[in-house]
Structures are given as structure tokens and as C-alpha cells.
Amino acid sequence: MPTTIQINERTLQLLKKLKAELDVSSYDEAIVKMASGQSGKKSLAGFLGKMPKEKILKDLRDENDRY
């Protein structure tokens, strides 16, 4: 049964890229392959693209956490 999900534009672009790289016919197939580890990739290096490190790590620590 098809379901609609909401994702932001950045996620959509990553999903389109993943679909093309895996050479599959649907986003569903791309998600299933990625989630089940069948993508054939040995590393996820570069998976997040050129997103700044600060943006990725922004909410990693709690407010009370010390540096």
C-alpha cells in the first residue's frame, strides 16, 4: 500500500542521487537497498555531501555537556 511521506528538499536531492547511483527504478527500492545494506558501497564517506561539519554536529551534545 503506497504511503506519502514528507521530506525536506535536501533529503529529496540525496534520495534522487542515491536512486541514480544504485540504478533502481523507484525511491522505495533505493531506500530498501540502503536500509538493508545491499547498496554495494563499502563506505558512506561523502554520503552527506559538502554539508558543513558544524551543521552536522550542532545538536550532538546536550546543553549541560562540557567540552
PDB file of N, CA and C in Angstrom:
ATOM      1  N   MET A   1       0.830  -1.166   0.000  1.00  0.00           N
ATOM      2  CA  MET A   1       0.000   0.000   0.000  1.00  0.00           C
ATOM      3  C   MET A   1       0.887   1.247   0.000  1.00  0.00           C
ATOM      4  N   PRO A   2       0.796   2.090  -0.986  1.00  0.00           N
ATOM      5  CA  PRO A   2       1.619   3.298  -1.055  1.00  0.00           C
ATOM      6  C   PRO A   2       1.310   4.266   0.086  1.00  0.00           C
ATOM      7  N   THR A   3       2.353   4.923   0.560  1.00  0.00           N
ATOM      8  CA  THR A   3       2.234   5.894   1.634  1.00  0.00           C
ATOM      9  C   THR A   3       2.958   7.161   1.226  1.00  0.00           C
ATOM     10  N   THR A   4       2.449   8.291   1.642  1.00  0.00           N
ATOM     11  CA  THR A   4       3.089   9.574   1.374  1.00  0.00           C
ATOM     12  C   THR A   4       3.875   9.996   2.605  1.00  0.00           C
ATOM     13  N   ILE A   5       5.116  10.438   2.403  1.00  0.00           N
ATOM     14  CA  ILE A   5       5.917  10.954   3.499  1.00  0.00           C
ATOM     15  C   ILE A   5       6.388  12.359   3.143  1.00  0.00           C
ATOM     16  N   GLN A   6       6.682  13.141   4.160  1.00  0.00           N
ATOM     17  CA  GLN A   6       7.193  14.483   3.933  1.00  0.00           C
ATOM     18  C   GLN A   6       8.678  14.502   4.229  1.00  0.00           C
ATOM     19  N   ILE A   7       9.451  15.013   3.285  1.00  0.00           N
ATOM     20  CA  ILE A   7      10.893  15.166   3.468  1.00  0.00           C
ATOM     21  C   ILE A   7      11.273  16.556   2.975  1.00  0.00           C
ATOM     22  N   ASN A   8      12.404  17.050   3.467  1.00  0.00           N
ATOM     23  CA  ASN A   8      12.806  18.377   3.006  1.00  0.00           C
ATOM     24  C   ASN A   8      13.526  18.264   1.665  1.00  0.00           C
ATOM     25  N   GLU A   9      13.760  19.404   1.037  1.00  0.00           N
ATOM     26  CA  GLU A   9      14.349  19.449  -0.312  1.00  0.00           C
ATOM     27  C   GLU A   9      15.721  18.783  -0.362  1.00  0.00           C
ATOM     28  N   ARG A  10      16.529  19.002   0.662  1.00  0.00           N
ATOM     29  CA  ARG A  10      17.880  18.409   0.713  1.00  0.00           C
ATOM     30  C   ARG A  10      17.794  16.879   0.712  1.00  0.00           C
ATOM     31  N   THR A  11      16.864  16.339   1.493  1.00  0.00           N
ATOM     32  CA  THR A  11      16.686  14.887   1.546  1.00  0.00           C
ATOM     33  C   THR A  11      16.237  14.349   0.199  1.00  0.00           C
ATOM     34  N   LEU A  12      15.359  15.068  -0.472  1.00  0.00           N
ATOM     35  CA  LEU A  12      14.892  14.652  -1.792  1.00  0.00           C
ATOM     36  C   LEU A  12      16.054  14.595  -2.781  1.00  0.00           C
ATOM     37  N   GLN A  13      16.925  15.594  -2.748  1.00  0.00           N
ATOM     38  CA  GLN A  13      18.071  15.610  -3.651  1.00  0.00           C
ATOM     39  C   GLN A  13      18.995  14.420  -3.374  1.00  0.00           C
ATOM     40  N   LEU A  14      19.228  14.112  -2.094  1.00  0.00           N
ATOM     41  CA  LEU A  14      20.058  12.955  -1.738  1.00  0.00           C
ATOM     42  C   LEU A  14      19.407  11.655  -2.201  1.00  0.00           C
ATOM     43  N   LEU A  15      18.102  11.569  -2.058  1.00  0.00           N
ATOM     44  CA  LEU A  15      17.381  10.363  -2.475  1.00  0.00           C
ATOM     45  C   LEU A  15      17.434  10.183  -3.987  1.00  0.00           C
ATOM     46  N   LYS A  16      17.310  11.275  -4.731  1.00  0.00           N
ATOM     47  CA  LYS A  16      17.423  11.200  -6.189  1.00  0.00           C
ATOM     48  C   LYS A  16      18.813  10.723  -6.600  1.00  0.00           C
ATOM     49  N   LYS A  17      19.828  11.248  -5.943  1.00  0.00           N
ATOM     50  CA  LYS A  17      21.213  10.856  -6.233  1.00  0.00           C
ATOM     51  C   LYS A  17      21.424   9.376  -5.916  1.00  0.00           C
ATOM     52  N   LEU A  18      20.911   8.938  -4.781  1.00  0.00           N
ATOM     53  CA  LEU A  18      21.035   7.531  -4.377  1.00  0.00           C
ATOM     54  C   LEU A  18      20.334   6.614  -5.375  1.00  0.00           C
ATOM     55  N   LYS A  19      19.149   7.009  -5.812  1.00  0.00           N
ATOM     56  CA  LYS A  19      18.391   6.208  -6.785  1.00  0.00           C
ATOM     57  C   LYS A  19      19.186   6.036  -8.076  1.00  0.00           C
ATOM     58  N   ALA A  20      19.812   7.111  -8.532  1.00  0.00           N
ATOM     59  CA  ALA A  20      20.602   7.048  -9.758  1.00  0.00           C
ATOM     60  C   ALA A  20      21.851   6.188  -9.565  1.00  0.00           C
ATOM     61  N   GLU A  21      22.531   6.356  -8.434  1.00  0.00           N
ATOM     62  CA  GLU A  21      23.759   5.591  -8.171  1.00  0.00           C
ATOM     63  C   GLU A  21      23.490   4.102  -8.063  1.00  0.00           C
ATOM     64  N   LEU A  22      22.364   3.742  -7.469  1.00  0.00           N
ATOM     65  CA  LEU A  22      22.033   2.325  -7.307  1.00  0.00           C
ATOM     66  C   LEU A  22      21.356   1.746  -8.544  1.00  0.00           C
ATOM     67  N   ASP A  23      21.011   2.618  -9.489  1.00  0.00           N
ATOM     68  CA  ASP A  23      20.367   2.206 -10.728  1.00  0.00           C
ATOM     69  C   ASP A  23      19.111   1.381 -10.466  1.00  0.00           C
ATOM     70  N   VAL A  24      18.202   1.960  -9.650  1.00  0.00           N
ATOM     71  CA  VAL A  24      16.934   1.305  -9.345  1.00  0.00           C
ATOM     72  C   VAL A  24      15.801   2.138  -9.934  1.00  0.00           C
ATOM     73  N   SER A  25      14.619   1.534 -10.026  1.00  0.00           N
ATOM     74  CA  SER A  25      13.515   2.204 -10.709  1.00  0.00           C
ATOM     75  C   SER A  25      12.623   3.038  -9.797  1.00  0.00           C
ATOM     76  N   SER A  26      12.776   2.906  -8.475  1.00  0.00           N
ATOM     77  CA  SER A  26      11.907   3.672  -7.580  1.00  0.00           C
ATOM     78  C   SER A  26      12.683   4.117  -6.336  1.00  0.00           C
ATOM     79  N   TYR A  27      12.136   5.143  -5.691  1.00  0.00           N
ATOM     80  CA  TYR A  27      12.733   5.604  -4.434  1.00  0.00           C
ATOM     81  C   TYR A  27      12.612   4.517  -3.375  1.00  0.00           C
ATOM     82  N   ASP A  28      11.510   3.770  -3.411  1.00  0.00           N
ATOM     83  CA  ASP A  28      11.301   2.687  -2.464  1.00  0.00           C
ATOM     84  C   ASP A  28      12.434   1.666  -2.545  1.00  0.00           C
ATOM     85  N   GLU A  29      12.800   1.270  -3.759  1.00  0.00           N
ATOM     86  CA  GLU A  29      13.894   0.310  -3.937  1.00  0.00           C
ATOM     87  C   GLU A  29      15.206   0.876  -3.391  1.00  0.00           C
ATOM     88  N   ALA A  30      15.448   2.150  -3.636  1.00  0.00           N
ATOM     89  CA  ALA A  30      16.677   2.779  -3.159  1.00  0.00           C
ATOM     90  C   ALA A  30      16.728   2.770  -1.637  1.00  0.00           C
ATOM     91  N   ILE A  31      15.615   3.107  -0.995  1.00  0.00           N
ATOM     92  CA  ILE A  31      15.561   3.126   0.472  1.00  0.00           C
ATOM     93  C   ILE A  31      15.757   1.727   1.038  1.00  0.00           C
ATOM     94  N   VAL A  32      15.090   0.749   0.444  1.00  0.00           N
ATOM     95  CA  VAL A  32      15.203  -0.632   0.922  1.00  0.00           C
ATOM     96  C   VAL A  32      16.642  -1.135   0.786  1.00  0.00           C
ATOM     97  N   LYS A  33      17.263  -0.882  -0.358  1.00  0.00           N
ATOM     98  CA  LYS A  33      18.651  -1.328  -0.559  1.00  0.00           C
ATOM     99  C   LYS A  33      19.589  -0.662   0.437  1.00  0.00           C
ATOM    100  N   MET A  34      19.408   0.622   0.648  1.00  0.00           N
ATOM    101  CA  MET A  34      20.275   1.339   1.571  1.00  0.00           C
ATOM    102  C   MET A  34      20.060   0.859   2.999  1.00  0.00           C
ATOM    103  N   ALA A  35      18.808   0.702   3.401  1.00  0.00           N
ATOM    104  CA  ALA A  35      18.490   0.298   4.768  1.00  0.00           C
ATOM    105  C   ALA A  35      18.917  -1.138   5.065  1.00  0.00           C
ATOM    106  N   SER A  36      18.894  -1.991   4.061  1.00  0.00           N
ATOM    107  CA  SER A  36      19.251  -3.392   4.287  1.00  0.00           C
ATOM    108  C   SER A  36      20.726  -3.668   4.036  1.00  0.00           C
ATOM    109  N   GLY A  37      21.479  -2.636   3.675  1.00  0.00           N
ATOM    110  CA  GLY A  37      22.908  -2.806   3.473  1.00  0.00           C
ATOM    111  C   GLY A  37      23.269  -3.427   2.145  1.00  0.00           C
ATOM    112  N   GLN A  38      22.372  -3.416   1.183  1.00  0.00           N
ATOM    113  CA  GLN A  38      22.622  -4.021  -0.114  1.00  0.00           C
ATOM    114  C   GLN A  38      23.051  -3.011  -1.165  1.00  0.00           C
ATOM    115  N   SER A  39      23.484  -1.857  -0.728  1.00  0.00           N
ATOM    116  CA  SER A  39      23.807  -0.800  -1.689  1.00  0.00           C
ATOM    117  C   SER A  39      25.089  -1.098  -2.459  1.00  0.00           C
ATOM    118  N   GLY A  40      25.889  -2.031  -1.953  1.00  0.00           N
ATOM    119  CA  GLY A  40      27.133  -2.360  -2.637  1.00  0.00           C
ATOM    120  C   GLY A  40      28.269  -1.423  -2.264  1.00  0.00           C
ATOM    121  N   LYS A  41      27.967  -0.382  -1.521  1.00  0.00           N
ATOM    122  CA  LYS A  41      29.007   0.551  -1.097  1.00  0.00           C
ATOM    123  C   LYS A  41      29.645   0.020   0.176  1.00  0.00           C
ATOM    124  N   LYS A  42      30.962   0.128   0.245  1.00  0.00           N
ATOM    125  CA  LYS A  42      31.673  -0.316   1.436  1.00  0.00           C
ATOM    126  C   LYS A  42      31.820   0.809   2.448  1.00  0.00           C
ATOM    127  N   SER A  43      31.610   2.031   1.992  1.00  0.00           N
ATOM    128  CA  SER A  43      31.783   3.184   2.858  1.00  0.00           C
ATOM    129  C   SER A  43      30.704   4.218   2.563  1.00  0.00           C
ATOM    130  N   LEU A  44      30.330   4.953   3.577  1.00  0.00           N
ATOM    131  CA  LEU A  44      29.384   6.047   3.398  1.00  0.00           C
ATOM    132  C   LEU A  44      30.111   7.385   3.351  1.00  0.00           C
ATOM    133  N   ALA A  45      31.418   7.335   3.133  1.00  0.00           N
ATOM    134  CA  ALA A  45      32.201   8.566   3.040  1.00  0.00           C
ATOM    135  C   ALA A  45      31.620   9.445   1.942  1.00  0.00           C
ATOM    136  N   GLY A  46      31.371  10.686   2.274  1.00  0.00           N
ATOM    137  CA  GLY A  46      30.820  11.623   1.313  1.00  0.00           C
ATOM    138  C   GLY A  46      29.319  11.547   1.169  1.00  0.00           C
ATOM    139  N   PHE A  47      28.662  10.686   1.927  1.00  0.00           N
ATOM    140  CA  PHE A  47      27.223  10.497   1.799  1.00  0.00           C
ATOM    141  C   PHE A  47      26.447  11.778   2.107  1.00  0.00           C
ATOM    142  N   LEU A  48      26.956  12.565   3.051  1.00  0.00           N
ATOM    143  CA  LEU A  48      26.275  13.799   3.416  1.00  0.00           C
ATOM    144  C   LEU A  48      26.645  14.963   2.523  1.00  0.00           C
ATOM    145  N   GLY A  49      27.450  14.707   1.540  1.00  0.00           N
ATOM    146  CA  GLY A  49      27.839  15.766   0.627  1.00  0.00           C
ATOM    147  C   GLY A  49      28.784  16.748   1.285  1.00  0.00           C
ATOM    148  N   LYS A  50      28.678  17.987   0.910  1.00  0.00           N
ATOM    149  CA  LYS A  50      29.589  19.001   1.425  1.00  0.00           C
ATOM    150  C   LYS A  50      28.928  19.824   2.519  1.00  0.00           C
ATOM    151  N   MET A  51      28.112  19.194   3.325  1.00  0.00           N
ATOM    152  CA  MET A  51      27.453  19.877   4.427  1.00  0.00           C
ATOM    153  C   MET A  51      28.509  20.273   5.460  1.00  0.00           C
ATOM    154  N   PRO A  52      28.469  21.504   5.958  1.00  0.00           N
ATOM    155  CA  PRO A  52      29.461  21.939   6.941  1.00  0.00           C
ATOM    156  C   PRO A  52      29.433  21.082   8.205  1.00  0.00           C
ATOM    157  N   LYS A  53      30.610  20.788   8.717  1.00  0.00           N
ATOM    158  CA  LYS A  53      30.751  19.947   9.903  1.00  0.00           C
ATOM    159  C   LYS A  53      29.969  20.525  11.086  1.00  0.00           C
ATOM    160  N   GLU A  54      29.965  21.846  11.211  1.00  0.00           N
ATOM    161  CA  GLU A  54      29.277  22.489  12.327  1.00  0.00           C
ATOM    162  C   GLU A  54      27.771  22.202  12.289  1.00  0.00           C
ATOM    163  N   LYS A  55      27.204  22.157  11.095  1.00  0.00           N
ATOM    164  CA  LYS A  55      25.771  21.892  10.959  1.00  0.00           C
ATOM    165  C   LYS A  55      25.450  20.454  11.367  1.00  0.00           C
ATOM    166  N   ILE A  56      26.312  19.529  11.020  1.00  0.00           N
ATOM    167  CA  ILE A  56      26.100  18.124  11.357  1.00  0.00           C
ATOM    168  C   ILE A  56      26.217  17.921  12.863  1.00  0.00           C
ATOM    169  N   LEU A  57      27.186  18.579  13.485  1.00  0.00           N
ATOM    170  CA  LEU A  57      27.482  18.368  14.900  1.00  0.00           C
ATOM    171  C   LEU A  57      26.693  19.293  15.827  1.00  0.00           C
ATOM    172  N   LYS A  58      25.917  20.207  15.276  1.00  0.00           N
ATOM    173  CA  LYS A  58      25.232  21.260  16.034  1.00  0.00           C
ATOM    174  C   LYS A  58      24.505  20.738  17.279  1.00  0.00           C
ATOM    175  N   ASP A  59      23.644  19.787  17.146  1.00  0.00           N
ATOM    176  CA  ASP A  59      22.835  19.315  18.266  1.00  0.00           C
ATOM    177  C   ASP A  59      23.322  17.983  18.824  1.00  0.00           C
ATOM    178  N   LEU A  60      24.574  17.688  18.626  1.00  0.00           N
ATOM    179  CA  LEU A  60      25.104  16.414  19.077  1.00  0.00           C
ATOM    180  C   LEU A  60      25.220  16.344  20.598  1.00  0.00           C
ATOM    181  N   ARG A  61      25.566  17.454  21.223  1.00  0.00           N
ATOM    182  CA  ARG A  61      25.732  17.476  22.677  1.00  0.00           C
ATOM    183  C   ARG A  61      24.531  18.123  23.362  1.00  0.00           C
ATOM    184  N   ASP A  62      24.292  17.702  24.594  1.00  0.00           N
ATOM    185  CA  ASP A  62      23.274  18.337  25.414  1.00  0.00           C
ATOM    186  C   ASP A  62      23.764  19.705  25.859  1.00  0.00           C
ATOM    187  N   GLU A  63      22.852  20.575  26.272  1.00  0.00           N
ATOM    188  CA  GLU A  63      23.232  21.910  26.735  1.00  0.00           C
ATOM    189  C   GLU A  63      24.143  21.828  27.961  1.00  0.00           C
ATOM    190  N   ASN A  64      23.943  20.804  28.804  1.00  0.00           N
ATOM    191  CA  ASN A  64      24.722  20.686  30.035  1.00  0.00           C
ATOM    192  C   ASN A  64      26.040  19.949  29.833  1.00  0.00           C
ATOM    193  N   ASP A  65      26.278  19.456  28.654  1.00  0.00           N
ATOM    194  CA  ASP A  65      27.506  18.732  28.357  1.00  0.00           C
ATOM    195  C   ASP A  65      28.691  19.690  28.339  1.00  0.00           C
ATOM    196  N   ARG A  66      29.810  19.261  28.882  1.00  0.00           N
ATOM    197  CA  ARG A  66      31.004  20.100  28.879  1.00  0.00           C
ATOM    198  C   ARG A  66      31.874  19.739  27.694  1.00  0.00           C
ATOM    199  N   TYR A  67      32.643  20.687  27.226  1.00  0.00           N
ATOM    200  CA  TYR A  67      33.579  20.462  26.119  1.00  0.00           C
ATOM    201  C   TYR A  67      34.927  20.108  26.637  1.00  0.00           C
TER     202      TYR A  67
END
